[in-house]
N, C-alpha and C. Protein backbone atom coordinates (compact mmCIF):
# COMPACT_ATOMS: atom_id res chain seq x y z
N MET A 1 -36.17 -26.95 2.51
CA MET A 1 -37.34 -26.59 1.76
C MET A 1 -36.93 -25.65 0.64
N GLN A 2 -37.21 -26.04 -0.54
CA GLN A 2 -36.86 -25.24 -1.69
C GLN A 2 -37.89 -24.13 -1.85
N GLY A 3 -37.40 -22.90 -2.10
CA GLY A 3 -38.30 -21.77 -2.28
C GLY A 3 -38.70 -21.10 -0.98
N ALA A 4 -38.26 -21.60 0.17
CA ALA A 4 -38.61 -20.98 1.44
C ALA A 4 -37.74 -19.74 1.65
N ASN A 5 -38.34 -18.68 2.14
CA ASN A 5 -37.63 -17.44 2.40
C ASN A 5 -37.63 -17.13 3.88
N VAL A 6 -36.59 -16.48 4.33
CA VAL A 6 -36.52 -16.03 5.72
C VAL A 6 -37.33 -14.75 5.82
N ARG A 7 -38.29 -14.74 6.73
CA ARG A 7 -39.14 -13.56 6.88
C ARG A 7 -38.70 -12.68 8.05
N THR A 8 -38.21 -13.26 9.10
CA THR A 8 -37.75 -12.47 10.24
C THR A 8 -36.51 -13.12 10.83
N VAL A 9 -35.71 -12.28 11.44
CA VAL A 9 -34.54 -12.74 12.18
C VAL A 9 -34.62 -12.10 13.55
N ARG A 10 -34.52 -12.90 14.57
CA ARG A 10 -34.58 -12.40 15.94
C ARG A 10 -33.18 -12.48 16.53
N VAL A 11 -32.61 -11.32 16.86
CA VAL A 11 -31.28 -11.26 17.44
C VAL A 11 -31.43 -11.22 18.95
N LEU A 12 -30.78 -12.16 19.61
CA LEU A 12 -30.86 -12.24 21.05
C LEU A 12 -29.64 -11.59 21.67
N ALA A 13 -29.83 -11.03 22.84
CA ALA A 13 -28.72 -10.43 23.58
C ALA A 13 -27.82 -11.55 24.10
N PRO A 14 -26.53 -11.28 24.22
CA PRO A 14 -25.65 -12.31 24.76
C PRO A 14 -25.98 -12.59 26.23
N ALA A 15 -25.79 -13.80 26.63
CA ALA A 15 -26.06 -14.19 28.01
C ALA A 15 -24.99 -13.58 28.91
N PRO A 16 -25.37 -13.13 30.10
CA PRO A 16 -24.38 -12.57 31.02
C PRO A 16 -23.38 -13.64 31.44
N VAL A 17 -22.13 -13.24 31.56
CA VAL A 17 -21.07 -14.16 31.95
C VAL A 17 -20.42 -13.62 33.21
N LYS A 18 -20.25 -14.50 34.19
CA LYS A 18 -19.58 -14.10 35.42
C LYS A 18 -18.07 -14.27 35.22
N ALA A 19 -17.32 -13.26 35.64
CA ALA A 19 -15.87 -13.35 35.55
C ALA A 19 -15.37 -14.33 36.59
N GLY A 20 -14.56 -15.23 36.15
CA GLY A 20 -14.01 -16.22 37.05
C GLY A 20 -12.72 -16.78 36.49
N PRO A 21 -12.17 -17.80 37.11
CA PRO A 21 -10.89 -18.33 36.63
C PRO A 21 -11.00 -18.91 35.22
N ALA A 22 -12.15 -19.43 34.84
CA ALA A 22 -12.28 -20.02 33.50
C ALA A 22 -12.23 -18.93 32.43
N THR A 23 -12.90 -17.79 32.66
CA THR A 23 -12.89 -16.72 31.67
C THR A 23 -11.56 -16.00 31.65
N ALA A 24 -10.89 -15.89 32.79
CA ALA A 24 -9.58 -15.24 32.83
C ALA A 24 -8.55 -16.08 32.08
N ALA A 25 -8.66 -17.40 32.18
CA ALA A 25 -7.70 -18.26 31.49
C ALA A 25 -7.95 -18.24 29.99
N ALA A 26 -9.19 -18.00 29.57
CA ALA A 26 -9.50 -18.00 28.15
C ALA A 26 -9.05 -16.72 27.46
N ALA A 27 -8.85 -15.65 28.22
CA ALA A 27 -8.43 -14.39 27.63
C ALA A 27 -6.99 -14.51 27.15
N PRO A 28 -6.71 -14.04 25.94
CA PRO A 28 -5.34 -14.13 25.43
C PRO A 28 -4.40 -13.19 26.20
N ALA A 29 -3.20 -13.65 26.37
CA ALA A 29 -2.20 -12.84 27.05
C ALA A 29 -1.78 -11.70 26.14
N PRO A 30 -1.55 -10.51 26.68
CA PRO A 30 -1.12 -9.41 25.83
C PRO A 30 0.24 -9.72 25.21
N GLN A 31 0.36 -9.42 23.93
CA GLN A 31 1.61 -9.70 23.24
C GLN A 31 2.47 -8.45 23.25
N THR A 32 3.75 -8.66 23.43
CA THR A 32 4.66 -7.53 23.40
C THR A 32 4.87 -7.12 21.95
N THR A 33 5.01 -5.84 21.75
CA THR A 33 5.21 -5.36 20.39
C THR A 33 6.69 -5.43 20.04
N VAL A 34 6.93 -5.88 18.86
CA VAL A 34 8.30 -5.98 18.37
C VAL A 34 8.62 -4.68 17.66
N PRO A 35 9.79 -4.11 17.92
CA PRO A 35 10.12 -2.86 17.24
C PRO A 35 10.07 -3.05 15.72
N ALA A 36 9.47 -2.10 15.05
CA ALA A 36 9.33 -2.20 13.60
C ALA A 36 10.68 -2.03 12.93
N VAL A 37 10.95 -2.90 12.02
CA VAL A 37 12.19 -2.82 11.25
C VAL A 37 11.88 -2.04 9.98
N PRO A 38 12.68 -1.02 9.68
CA PRO A 38 12.38 -0.26 8.47
C PRO A 38 12.47 -1.16 7.24
N VAL A 39 11.53 -0.94 6.34
CA VAL A 39 11.49 -1.72 5.12
C VAL A 39 12.54 -1.18 4.17
N GLU A 40 13.37 -2.07 3.69
CA GLU A 40 14.40 -1.65 2.75
C GLU A 40 13.79 -1.72 1.35
N ARG A 41 13.71 -0.58 0.71
CA ARG A 41 13.14 -0.54 -0.63
C ARG A 41 14.26 -0.64 -1.65
N ARG A 42 14.07 -1.59 -2.54
CA ARG A 42 15.06 -1.75 -3.60
C ARG A 42 14.66 -0.90 -4.79
N MET A 43 15.64 -0.50 -5.56
CA MET A 43 15.37 0.25 -6.77
C MET A 43 14.65 -0.67 -7.76
N PRO A 44 13.63 -0.14 -8.45
CA PRO A 44 12.94 -0.98 -9.43
C PRO A 44 13.88 -1.30 -10.59
N PRO A 45 13.63 -2.41 -11.27
CA PRO A 45 14.50 -2.79 -12.38
C PRO A 45 14.50 -1.72 -13.48
N GLU A 46 15.55 -1.69 -14.24
CA GLU A 46 15.71 -0.71 -15.31
C GLU A 46 14.57 -0.79 -16.32
N GLY A 47 14.15 -1.98 -16.67
CA GLY A 47 13.05 -2.15 -17.62
C GLY A 47 11.76 -1.53 -17.11
N TYR A 48 11.51 -1.66 -15.83
CA TYR A 48 10.31 -1.08 -15.24
C TYR A 48 10.38 0.45 -15.32
N ARG A 49 11.52 0.99 -14.99
CA ARG A 49 11.67 2.45 -15.03
C ARG A 49 11.50 2.98 -16.46
N ARG A 50 12.05 2.26 -17.44
CA ARG A 50 11.91 2.68 -18.84
C ARG A 50 10.43 2.63 -19.27
N ALA A 51 9.74 1.58 -18.84
CA ALA A 51 8.33 1.45 -19.20
C ALA A 51 7.50 2.58 -18.59
N ILE A 52 7.78 2.93 -17.36
CA ILE A 52 7.05 4.03 -16.71
C ILE A 52 7.33 5.34 -17.43
N GLU A 53 8.57 5.58 -17.77
CA GLU A 53 8.93 6.82 -18.47
C GLU A 53 8.27 6.87 -19.85
N ALA A 54 8.23 5.76 -20.55
CA ALA A 54 7.57 5.72 -21.85
C ALA A 54 6.08 5.99 -21.71
N HIS A 55 5.48 5.46 -20.66
CA HIS A 55 4.06 5.70 -20.42
C HIS A 55 3.81 7.18 -20.15
N ARG A 56 4.64 7.78 -19.35
CA ARG A 56 4.47 9.21 -19.04
C ARG A 56 4.59 10.07 -20.29
N GLN A 57 5.50 9.71 -21.16
CA GLN A 57 5.68 10.49 -22.38
C GLN A 57 4.53 10.26 -23.35
N ALA A 58 3.95 9.07 -23.37
CA ALA A 58 2.88 8.76 -24.30
C ALA A 58 1.52 9.14 -23.76
N ALA A 59 1.43 9.48 -22.49
CA ALA A 59 0.14 9.82 -21.89
C ALA A 59 -0.44 11.04 -22.59
N ARG A 60 -1.73 10.99 -22.83
CA ARG A 60 -2.39 12.10 -23.50
C ARG A 60 -2.34 13.35 -22.63
N PRO A 61 -2.15 14.49 -23.24
CA PRO A 61 -2.16 15.72 -22.45
C PRO A 61 -3.55 15.97 -21.88
N SER A 62 -3.59 16.76 -20.88
CA SER A 62 -4.87 17.09 -20.24
C SER A 62 -5.80 17.75 -21.24
N LEU A 63 -7.05 17.36 -21.20
CA LEU A 63 -8.04 17.93 -22.10
C LEU A 63 -8.69 19.18 -21.52
N ALA A 64 -8.30 19.55 -20.31
CA ALA A 64 -8.89 20.73 -19.67
C ALA A 64 -8.39 21.98 -20.37
N ASP A 65 -9.32 22.86 -20.64
CA ASP A 65 -8.99 24.12 -21.29
C ASP A 65 -8.39 25.05 -20.23
N PRO A 66 -7.18 25.59 -20.47
CA PRO A 66 -6.57 26.48 -19.48
C PRO A 66 -7.44 27.71 -19.19
N GLY A 67 -8.16 28.20 -20.18
CA GLY A 67 -9.04 29.34 -19.97
C GLY A 67 -10.15 29.03 -18.99
N ILE A 68 -10.69 27.82 -19.10
CA ILE A 68 -11.75 27.40 -18.18
C ILE A 68 -11.18 27.27 -16.77
N ALA A 69 -9.98 26.68 -16.66
CA ALA A 69 -9.36 26.52 -15.34
C ALA A 69 -9.12 27.88 -14.68
N GLU A 70 -8.68 28.87 -15.47
CA GLU A 70 -8.47 30.22 -14.93
C GLU A 70 -9.79 30.84 -14.49
N ALA A 71 -10.84 30.64 -15.28
CA ALA A 71 -12.15 31.18 -14.92
C ALA A 71 -12.67 30.56 -13.63
N VAL A 72 -12.44 29.27 -13.47
CA VAL A 72 -12.87 28.59 -12.24
C VAL A 72 -12.11 29.17 -11.05
N GLU A 73 -10.81 29.41 -11.21
CA GLU A 73 -10.02 30.00 -10.12
C GLU A 73 -10.53 31.39 -9.77
N ARG A 74 -10.82 32.20 -10.79
CA ARG A 74 -11.34 33.56 -10.53
C ARG A 74 -12.69 33.49 -9.82
N GLN A 75 -13.54 32.57 -10.27
CA GLN A 75 -14.86 32.44 -9.65
C GLN A 75 -14.72 31.98 -8.20
N THR A 76 -13.83 31.04 -7.95
CA THR A 76 -13.62 30.56 -6.59
C THR A 76 -13.11 31.68 -5.69
N ALA A 77 -12.16 32.48 -6.19
CA ALA A 77 -11.63 33.60 -5.41
C ALA A 77 -12.74 34.61 -5.12
N ALA A 78 -13.59 34.89 -6.10
CA ALA A 78 -14.69 35.83 -5.90
C ALA A 78 -15.68 35.31 -4.86
N MET A 79 -15.99 34.03 -4.92
CA MET A 79 -16.91 33.43 -3.95
C MET A 79 -16.33 33.47 -2.54
N ARG A 80 -15.04 33.21 -2.43
CA ARG A 80 -14.41 33.28 -1.10
C ARG A 80 -14.46 34.71 -0.55
N GLU A 81 -14.23 35.70 -1.44
CA GLU A 81 -14.28 37.10 -1.00
C GLU A 81 -15.70 37.45 -0.55
N LEU A 82 -16.71 37.03 -1.30
CA LEU A 82 -18.09 37.29 -0.89
C LEU A 82 -18.40 36.60 0.44
N SER A 83 -17.91 35.41 0.61
CA SER A 83 -18.13 34.68 1.86
C SER A 83 -17.45 35.40 3.01
N ARG A 84 -16.24 35.90 2.76
CA ARG A 84 -15.50 36.62 3.81
C ARG A 84 -16.26 37.88 4.22
N ARG A 85 -16.86 38.57 3.24
CA ARG A 85 -17.63 39.77 3.55
C ARG A 85 -18.92 39.43 4.29
N ALA A 86 -19.56 38.35 3.89
CA ALA A 86 -20.83 37.98 4.51
C ALA A 86 -20.65 37.46 5.93
N PHE A 87 -19.52 36.81 6.17
CA PHE A 87 -19.26 36.23 7.49
C PHE A 87 -17.91 36.72 8.00
N PRO A 88 -17.82 37.99 8.41
CA PRO A 88 -16.52 38.55 8.81
C PRO A 88 -15.96 37.96 10.09
N ASP A 89 -16.80 37.33 10.91
CA ASP A 89 -16.31 36.78 12.17
C ASP A 89 -15.62 35.44 11.98
N GLN A 90 -15.67 34.86 10.81
CA GLN A 90 -15.04 33.56 10.55
C GLN A 90 -13.53 33.79 10.38
N PRO A 91 -12.72 32.84 10.90
CA PRO A 91 -11.26 32.99 10.74
C PRO A 91 -10.89 32.91 9.26
N SER A 92 -10.04 33.82 8.82
CA SER A 92 -9.66 33.87 7.40
C SER A 92 -8.56 32.91 7.06
N SER A 93 -7.96 32.24 8.06
CA SER A 93 -6.86 31.32 7.78
C SER A 93 -7.35 29.98 7.24
N ARG A 94 -8.67 29.77 7.26
CA ARG A 94 -9.24 28.52 6.78
C ARG A 94 -9.19 28.47 5.26
N THR A 95 -8.61 27.40 4.73
CA THR A 95 -8.53 27.24 3.29
C THR A 95 -9.29 26.00 2.88
N MET A 96 -9.78 26.00 1.70
CA MET A 96 -10.54 24.86 1.20
C MET A 96 -9.67 24.01 0.34
């Protein structure tokens, strides 16, 4: 039927299954694990390394203002100090 929409879906519970020889035979046998062989990584080709280095050199410098970054660090340190004073029972070894 063209244009017909599904309005409801009724999910039924699975039927109970009694364990017996048929279900035991259908269960897959556990597979033994094979020891993992370390992956040998080859050096990338010279052309690839040159291209990556050229990209790194041509990449635009960060647009973040160092003054703003320092201000954010100072503000974060001040907030942590205020938090430490407000909640002295909290362990101080926790870092964000």
